[in-house]
Amino acid sequence: MPVRGDARWRPPGSPHNRVLPIPALIREQLPFEHAVCLLSYGQILLLKLALVVIAAALGGHNRFFGMPRLLSSLKEARTEITARPLKRFAAVLHVESVVLAGVLVAAAVLVSSPLLGTP
C-alpha cells in the first residue's frame, strides 16, 4: 500500500486515478494506442473491430452495388443474365457470413479473457 511520501501515492481525487486500467509499467512508458496494440486483449479487440468494418463494407457493397444489378437482371426474363449477378451476390453474402462468424469467435475470446490491467 503506498503511503503519502511515496512517489506512487496519489490523493483520491487526483485525475491520475481515472486512467484506463492498463498495467502501470506499460501506461507510464507507452501511450495508450501503443499499449493496446501490445496486449493480447487489445489485439483481439482491434481484430474484432477490423472484422466488423469488413463485414459492414461487404454489406454496403451488396446493398448499393450488388442488389441493384440483381434486381435489374431479375426483371429481365433470360436466365443467363440473372445467373452472374445472383452468383456474385451469393458469394459476397457467403464471405460476409464467414467474416461475421470470425466476429463471434473474437467476441467469445474477449469474453473469456481478462480485462486490461487485471492480473
N, C-alpha and C. Protein backbone atom coordinates (compact mmCIF):
# COMPACT_ATOMS: atom_id res chain seq x y z
N MET A 1 0.84 -1.18 0.00
CA MET A 1 0.00 0.00 0.00
C MET A 1 0.89 1.24 0.00
N PRO A 2 0.77 2.10 -0.97
CA PRO A 2 1.58 3.31 -0.99
C PRO A 2 1.19 4.25 0.14
N VAL A 3 2.18 4.94 0.66
CA VAL A 3 1.93 5.92 1.72
C VAL A 3 2.10 7.32 1.14
N ARG A 4 1.77 8.32 1.93
CA ARG A 4 1.75 9.70 1.44
C ARG A 4 3.09 10.16 0.90
N GLY A 5 4.22 9.79 1.45
CA GLY A 5 5.52 10.24 0.99
C GLY A 5 6.01 9.47 -0.23
N ASP A 6 5.35 8.38 -0.58
CA ASP A 6 5.77 7.54 -1.70
C ASP A 6 5.47 8.23 -3.03
N ALA A 7 6.31 8.00 -4.03
CA ALA A 7 6.12 8.63 -5.35
C ALA A 7 4.89 8.10 -6.05
N ARG A 8 4.44 6.90 -5.71
CA ARG A 8 3.28 6.31 -6.36
C ARG A 8 1.96 6.74 -5.73
N TRP A 9 2.02 7.38 -4.56
CA TRP A 9 0.79 7.76 -3.88
C TRP A 9 0.14 8.94 -4.59
N ARG A 10 -1.17 8.84 -4.78
CA ARG A 10 -1.95 9.93 -5.38
C ARG A 10 -3.19 10.13 -4.52
N PRO A 11 -3.57 11.37 -4.28
CA PRO A 11 -4.79 11.59 -3.50
C PRO A 11 -6.01 11.03 -4.22
N PRO A 12 -7.08 10.69 -3.50
CA PRO A 12 -8.24 10.06 -4.11
C PRO A 12 -8.87 10.85 -5.25
N GLY A 13 -8.86 12.18 -5.23
CA GLY A 13 -9.49 12.95 -6.28
C GLY A 13 -8.56 13.28 -7.45
N SER A 14 -7.39 12.71 -7.45
CA SER A 14 -6.40 13.03 -8.48
C SER A 14 -6.86 12.54 -9.85
N PRO A 15 -6.62 13.34 -10.91
CA PRO A 15 -7.02 12.90 -12.25
C PRO A 15 -6.22 11.68 -12.72
N HIS A 16 -5.08 11.43 -12.10
CA HIS A 16 -4.28 10.26 -12.49
C HIS A 16 -4.96 8.96 -12.07
N ASN A 17 -5.89 9.02 -11.15
CA ASN A 17 -6.60 7.81 -10.73
C ASN A 17 -7.69 7.42 -11.71
N ARG A 18 -7.99 8.27 -12.68
CA ARG A 18 -9.05 7.98 -13.64
C ARG A 18 -8.50 7.47 -14.96
N VAL A 19 -7.29 6.95 -14.96
CA VAL A 19 -6.67 6.42 -16.16
C VAL A 19 -7.25 5.04 -16.44
N LEU A 20 -7.36 4.69 -17.72
CA LEU A 20 -7.86 3.37 -18.07
C LEU A 20 -7.00 2.29 -17.42
N PRO A 21 -7.58 1.16 -17.05
CA PRO A 21 -6.83 0.13 -16.33
C PRO A 21 -5.84 -0.62 -17.22
N ILE A 22 -4.70 -0.03 -17.42
CA ILE A 22 -3.61 -0.66 -18.17
C ILE A 22 -2.48 -0.86 -17.17
N PRO A 23 -1.73 -1.94 -17.27
CA PRO A 23 -0.64 -2.15 -16.31
C PRO A 23 0.25 -0.91 -16.22
N ALA A 24 0.68 -0.60 -14.99
CA ALA A 24 1.40 0.65 -14.74
C ALA A 24 2.69 0.75 -15.55
N LEU A 25 3.38 -0.34 -15.74
CA LEU A 25 4.63 -0.30 -16.49
C LEU A 25 4.39 0.15 -17.92
N ILE A 26 3.38 -0.41 -18.57
CA ILE A 26 3.08 -0.04 -19.95
C ILE A 26 2.49 1.36 -20.00
N ARG A 27 1.63 1.71 -19.04
CA ARG A 27 0.96 3.01 -19.05
C ARG A 27 1.96 4.16 -18.94
N GLU A 28 3.00 3.99 -18.14
CA GLU A 28 3.94 5.07 -17.95
C GLU A 28 4.97 5.16 -19.07
N GLN A 29 5.23 4.08 -19.79
CA GLN A 29 6.26 4.09 -20.80
C GLN A 29 5.73 4.30 -22.21
N LEU A 30 4.52 3.91 -22.47
CA LEU A 30 3.96 3.99 -23.82
C LEU A 30 2.62 4.71 -23.80
N PRO A 31 2.28 5.43 -24.88
CA PRO A 31 0.93 5.98 -24.97
C PRO A 31 -0.10 4.86 -25.08
N PHE A 32 -1.36 5.21 -24.86
CA PHE A 32 -2.43 4.21 -24.84
C PHE A 32 -2.52 3.43 -26.15
N GLU A 33 -2.39 4.09 -27.29
CA GLU A 33 -2.55 3.42 -28.58
C GLU A 33 -1.52 2.31 -28.76
N HIS A 34 -0.29 2.56 -28.35
CA HIS A 34 0.75 1.55 -28.49
C HIS A 34 0.56 0.43 -27.48
N ALA A 35 0.08 0.76 -26.29
CA ALA A 35 -0.14 -0.25 -25.27
C ALA A 35 -1.25 -1.21 -25.68
N VAL A 36 -2.29 -0.70 -26.29
CA VAL A 36 -3.39 -1.56 -26.74
C VAL A 36 -2.89 -2.56 -27.78
N CYS A 37 -2.02 -2.11 -28.66
CA CYS A 37 -1.52 -3.00 -29.71
C CYS A 37 -0.60 -4.07 -29.17
N LEU A 38 0.04 -3.83 -28.02
CA LEU A 38 0.97 -4.80 -27.47
C LEU A 38 0.28 -5.89 -26.65
N LEU A 39 -0.84 -5.58 -26.05
CA LEU A 39 -1.53 -6.55 -25.21
C LEU A 39 -2.42 -7.46 -26.05
N SER A 40 -2.52 -8.71 -25.66
CA SER A 40 -3.32 -9.66 -26.44
C SER A 40 -4.80 -9.26 -26.45
N TYR A 41 -5.30 -8.75 -25.34
CA TYR A 41 -6.69 -8.30 -25.30
C TYR A 41 -6.92 -7.19 -26.32
N GLY A 42 -6.01 -6.25 -26.38
CA GLY A 42 -6.13 -5.14 -27.33
C GLY A 42 -6.02 -5.60 -28.77
N GLN A 43 -5.15 -6.58 -29.02
CA GLN A 43 -5.00 -7.10 -30.37
C GLN A 43 -6.28 -7.79 -30.82
N ILE A 44 -6.87 -8.57 -29.94
CA ILE A 44 -8.12 -9.26 -30.29
C ILE A 44 -9.25 -8.25 -30.48
N LEU A 45 -9.25 -7.21 -29.65
CA LEU A 45 -10.27 -6.18 -29.78
C LEU A 45 -10.13 -5.45 -31.12
N LEU A 46 -8.90 -5.14 -31.52
CA LEU A 46 -8.67 -4.49 -32.81
C LEU A 46 -9.03 -5.42 -33.97
N LEU A 47 -8.75 -6.72 -33.82
CA LEU A 47 -9.14 -7.70 -34.84
C LEU A 47 -10.66 -7.73 -34.99
N LYS A 48 -11.37 -7.73 -33.87
CA LYS A 48 -12.83 -7.75 -33.92
C LYS A 48 -13.36 -6.49 -34.60
N LEU A 49 -12.78 -5.34 -34.26
CA LEU A 49 -13.19 -4.10 -34.88
C LEU A 49 -12.95 -4.13 -36.39
N ALA A 50 -11.80 -4.64 -36.80
CA ALA A 50 -11.49 -4.73 -38.23
C ALA A 50 -12.47 -5.67 -38.94
N LEU A 51 -12.81 -6.78 -38.31
CA LEU A 51 -13.76 -7.71 -38.92
C LEU A 51 -15.15 -7.09 -39.06
N VAL A 52 -15.55 -6.32 -38.07
CA VAL A 52 -16.86 -5.65 -38.15
C VAL A 52 -16.86 -4.62 -39.28
N VAL A 53 -15.76 -3.88 -39.44
CA VAL A 53 -15.67 -2.90 -40.52
C VAL A 53 -15.71 -3.61 -41.88
N ILE A 54 -15.02 -4.74 -42.00
CA ILE A 54 -15.04 -5.50 -43.26
C ILE A 54 -16.44 -6.01 -43.55
N ALA A 55 -17.13 -6.54 -42.54
CA ALA A 55 -18.49 -7.04 -42.74
C ALA A 55 -19.43 -5.90 -43.14
N ALA A 56 -19.28 -4.74 -42.54
CA ALA A 56 -20.13 -3.60 -42.90
C ALA A 56 -19.84 -3.15 -44.34
N ALA A 57 -18.58 -3.18 -44.73
CA ALA A 57 -18.23 -2.80 -46.11
C ALA A 57 -18.80 -3.80 -47.11
N LEU A 58 -18.75 -5.08 -46.79
CA LEU A 58 -19.33 -6.09 -47.69
C LEU A 58 -20.85 -5.93 -47.78
N GLY A 59 -21.48 -5.67 -46.64
CA GLY A 59 -22.93 -5.45 -46.65
C GLY A 59 -23.30 -4.21 -47.45
N GLY A 60 -22.52 -3.15 -47.30
CA GLY A 60 -22.77 -1.93 -48.09
C GLY A 60 -22.56 -2.15 -49.57
N HIS A 61 -21.54 -2.94 -49.90
CA HIS A 61 -21.29 -3.26 -51.32
C HIS A 61 -22.48 -4.02 -51.91
N ASN A 62 -22.95 -5.01 -51.17
CA ASN A 62 -24.10 -5.78 -51.66
C ASN A 62 -25.34 -4.91 -51.78
N ARG A 63 -25.53 -4.02 -50.82
CA ARG A 63 -26.75 -3.20 -50.83
C ARG A 63 -26.75 -2.18 -51.96
N PHE A 64 -25.60 -1.53 -52.19
CA PHE A 64 -25.59 -0.43 -53.15
C PHE A 64 -25.09 -0.82 -54.54
N PHE A 65 -24.40 -1.93 -54.66
CA PHE A 65 -23.91 -2.35 -55.98
C PHE A 65 -24.50 -3.68 -56.43
N GLY A 66 -24.51 -4.67 -55.53
CA GLY A 66 -24.99 -6.00 -55.91
C GLY A 66 -26.49 -6.08 -56.07
N MET A 67 -27.22 -5.51 -55.13
CA MET A 67 -28.68 -5.59 -55.15
C MET A 67 -29.30 -4.90 -56.37
N PRO A 68 -28.88 -3.69 -56.74
CA PRO A 68 -29.49 -3.08 -57.94
C PRO A 68 -29.23 -3.89 -59.21
N ARG A 69 -28.02 -4.43 -59.35
CA ARG A 69 -27.74 -5.26 -60.53
C ARG A 69 -28.60 -6.52 -60.52
N LEU A 70 -28.73 -7.13 -59.36
CA LEU A 70 -29.53 -8.35 -59.26
C LEU A 70 -31.00 -8.06 -59.56
N LEU A 71 -31.53 -6.99 -59.01
CA LEU A 71 -32.94 -6.67 -59.25
C LEU A 71 -33.20 -6.31 -60.71
N SER A 72 -32.27 -5.60 -61.34
CA SER A 72 -32.47 -5.26 -62.75
C SER A 72 -32.37 -6.51 -63.63
N SER A 73 -31.50 -7.44 -63.26
CA SER A 73 -31.41 -8.67 -64.05
C SER A 73 -32.60 -9.59 -63.82
N LEU A 74 -33.20 -9.54 -62.64
CA LEU A 74 -34.38 -10.36 -62.38
C LEU A 74 -35.61 -9.85 -63.13
N LYS A 75 -35.63 -8.57 -63.46
CA LYS A 75 -36.76 -8.02 -64.23
C LYS A 75 -36.76 -8.54 -65.66
N GLU A 76 -35.56 -8.87 -66.16
CA GLU A 76 -35.48 -9.46 -67.50
C GLU A 76 -35.76 -10.95 -67.39
N ALA A 77 -36.27 -11.53 -68.46
CA ALA A 77 -36.74 -12.91 -68.41
C ALA A 77 -35.64 -13.94 -68.68
N ARG A 78 -34.49 -13.53 -69.21
CA ARG A 78 -33.48 -14.51 -69.59
C ARG A 78 -32.68 -14.99 -68.38
N THR A 79 -32.46 -16.29 -68.31
CA THR A 79 -31.77 -16.90 -67.18
C THR A 79 -30.27 -16.62 -67.20
N GLU A 80 -29.68 -16.50 -68.40
CA GLU A 80 -28.23 -16.28 -68.49
C GLU A 80 -27.83 -14.94 -67.87
N ILE A 81 -28.68 -13.96 -68.00
CA ILE A 81 -28.38 -12.63 -67.47
C ILE A 81 -28.48 -12.63 -65.94
N THR A 82 -29.40 -13.41 -65.40
CA THR A 82 -29.63 -13.44 -63.96
C THR A 82 -28.56 -14.23 -63.21
N ALA A 83 -27.96 -15.21 -63.83
CA ALA A 83 -27.07 -16.13 -63.13
C ALA A 83 -25.84 -15.43 -62.55
N ARG A 84 -25.19 -14.58 -63.31
CA ARG A 84 -23.95 -13.97 -62.84
C ARG A 84 -24.17 -13.01 -61.65
N PRO A 85 -25.12 -12.07 -61.72
CA PRO A 85 -25.34 -11.21 -60.54
C PRO A 85 -25.78 -11.99 -59.30
N LEU A 86 -26.56 -13.05 -59.52
CA LEU A 86 -27.01 -13.85 -58.40
C LEU A 86 -25.84 -14.59 -57.75
N LYS A 87 -24.94 -15.12 -58.56
CA LYS A 87 -23.76 -15.80 -58.02
C LYS A 87 -22.86 -14.83 -57.27
N ARG A 88 -22.67 -13.65 -57.82
CA ARG A 88 -21.83 -12.65 -57.15
C ARG A 88 -22.46 -12.22 -55.83
N PHE A 89 -23.77 -11.98 -55.84
CA PHE A 89 -24.47 -11.57 -54.62
C PHE A 89 -24.35 -12.66 -53.55
N ALA A 90 -24.53 -13.91 -53.95
CA ALA A 90 -24.43 -15.02 -53.00
C ALA A 90 -23.00 -15.18 -52.49
N ALA A 91 -22.01 -14.96 -53.35
CA ALA A 91 -20.61 -15.08 -52.93
C ALA A 91 -20.26 -14.01 -51.89
N VAL A 92 -20.72 -12.79 -52.11
CA VAL A 92 -20.45 -11.72 -51.13
C VAL A 92 -21.17 -12.02 -49.82
N LEU A 93 -22.39 -12.54 -49.88
CA LEU A 93 -23.10 -12.93 -48.67
C LEU A 93 -22.37 -14.03 -47.93
N HIS A 94 -21.81 -14.97 -48.67
CA HIS A 94 -21.06 -16.06 -48.04
C HIS A 94 -19.82 -15.53 -47.33
N VAL A 95 -19.07 -14.67 -47.99
CA VAL A 95 -17.87 -14.09 -47.38
C VAL A 95 -18.26 -13.26 -46.15
N GLU A 96 -19.34 -12.51 -46.27
CA GLU A 96 -19.79 -11.70 -45.14
C GLU A 96 -20.18 -12.58 -43.95
N SER A 97 -20.81 -13.70 -44.20
CA SER A 97 -21.18 -14.59 -43.10
C SER A 97 -19.95 -15.22 -42.45
N VAL A 98 -18.93 -15.53 -43.23
CA VAL A 98 -17.68 -16.07 -42.66
C VAL A 98 -17.00 -15.01 -41.80
N VAL A 99 -16.98 -13.77 -42.28
CA VAL A 99 -16.37 -12.68 -41.51
C VAL A 99 -17.14 -12.46 -40.21
N LEU A 100 -18.46 -12.51 -40.26
CA LEU A 100 -19.25 -12.33 -39.04
C LEU A 100 -19.09 -13.51 -38.08
N ALA A 101 -18.84 -14.70 -38.60
CA ALA A 101 -18.51 -15.82 -37.72
C ALA A 101 -17.18 -15.55 -37.00
N GLY A 102 -16.24 -14.93 -37.70
CA GLY A 102 -14.99 -14.53 -37.07
C GLY A 102 -15.21 -13.48 -35.98
N VAL A 103 -16.17 -12.58 -36.20
CA VAL A 103 -16.52 -11.59 -35.17
C VAL A 103 -17.04 -12.30 -33.92
N LEU A 104 -17.88 -13.32 -34.11
CA LEU A 104 -18.40 -14.06 -32.97
C LEU A 104 -17.30 -14.79 -32.21
N VAL A 105 -16.34 -15.36 -32.94
CA VAL A 105 -15.22 -16.04 -32.30
C VAL A 105 -14.38 -15.04 -31.52
N ALA A 106 -14.10 -13.89 -32.12
CA ALA A 106 -13.32 -12.86 -31.42
C ALA A 106 -14.06 -12.37 -30.18
N ALA A 107 -15.38 -12.23 -30.27
CA ALA A 107 -16.16 -11.81 -29.10
C ALA A 107 -16.11 -12.87 -28.01
N ALA A 108 -16.16 -14.14 -28.38
CA ALA A 108 -16.07 -15.21 -27.38
C ALA A 108 -14.71 -15.22 -26.70
N VAL A 109 -13.66 -14.97 -27.46
CA VAL A 109 -12.32 -14.92 -26.88
C VAL A 109 -12.21 -13.72 -25.94
N LEU A 110 -12.77 -12.59 -26.33
CA LEU A 110 -12.72 -11.40 -25.47
C LEU A 110 -13.48 -11.61 -24.17
N VAL A 111 -14.60 -12.29 -24.24
CA VAL A 111 -15.39 -12.53 -23.03
C VAL A 111 -14.64 -13.43 -22.07
N SER A 112 -13.90 -14.41 -22.59
CA SER A 112 -13.21 -15.36 -21.73
C SER A 112 -11.83 -14.87 -21.30
N SER A 113 -11.34 -13.77 -21.84
CA SER A 113 -10.02 -13.29 -21.45
C SER A 113 -10.16 -12.18 -20.40
N PRO A 114 -9.11 -12.01 -19.57
CA PRO A 114 -9.20 -10.97 -18.54
C PRO A 114 -9.14 -9.57 -19.15
N LEU A 115 -9.73 -8.62 -18.47
CA LEU A 115 -9.73 -7.23 -18.94
C LEU A 115 -8.33 -6.65 -18.85
N LEU A 116 -8.13 -5.53 -19.52
CA LEU A 116 -6.85 -4.83 -19.46
C LEU A 116 -6.55 -4.43 -18.02
N GLY A 117 -5.34 -4.67 -17.60
CA GLY A 117 -4.92 -4.25 -16.27
C GLY A 117 -5.20 -5.24 -15.16
N THR A 118 -5.89 -6.34 -15.44
CA THR A 118 -6.13 -7.34 -14.41
C THR A 118 -5.07 -8.43 -14.54
N PRO A 119 -4.64 -8.98 -13.42
CA PRO A 119 -3.57 -9.99 -13.48
C PRO A 119 -4.01 -11.31 -14.05
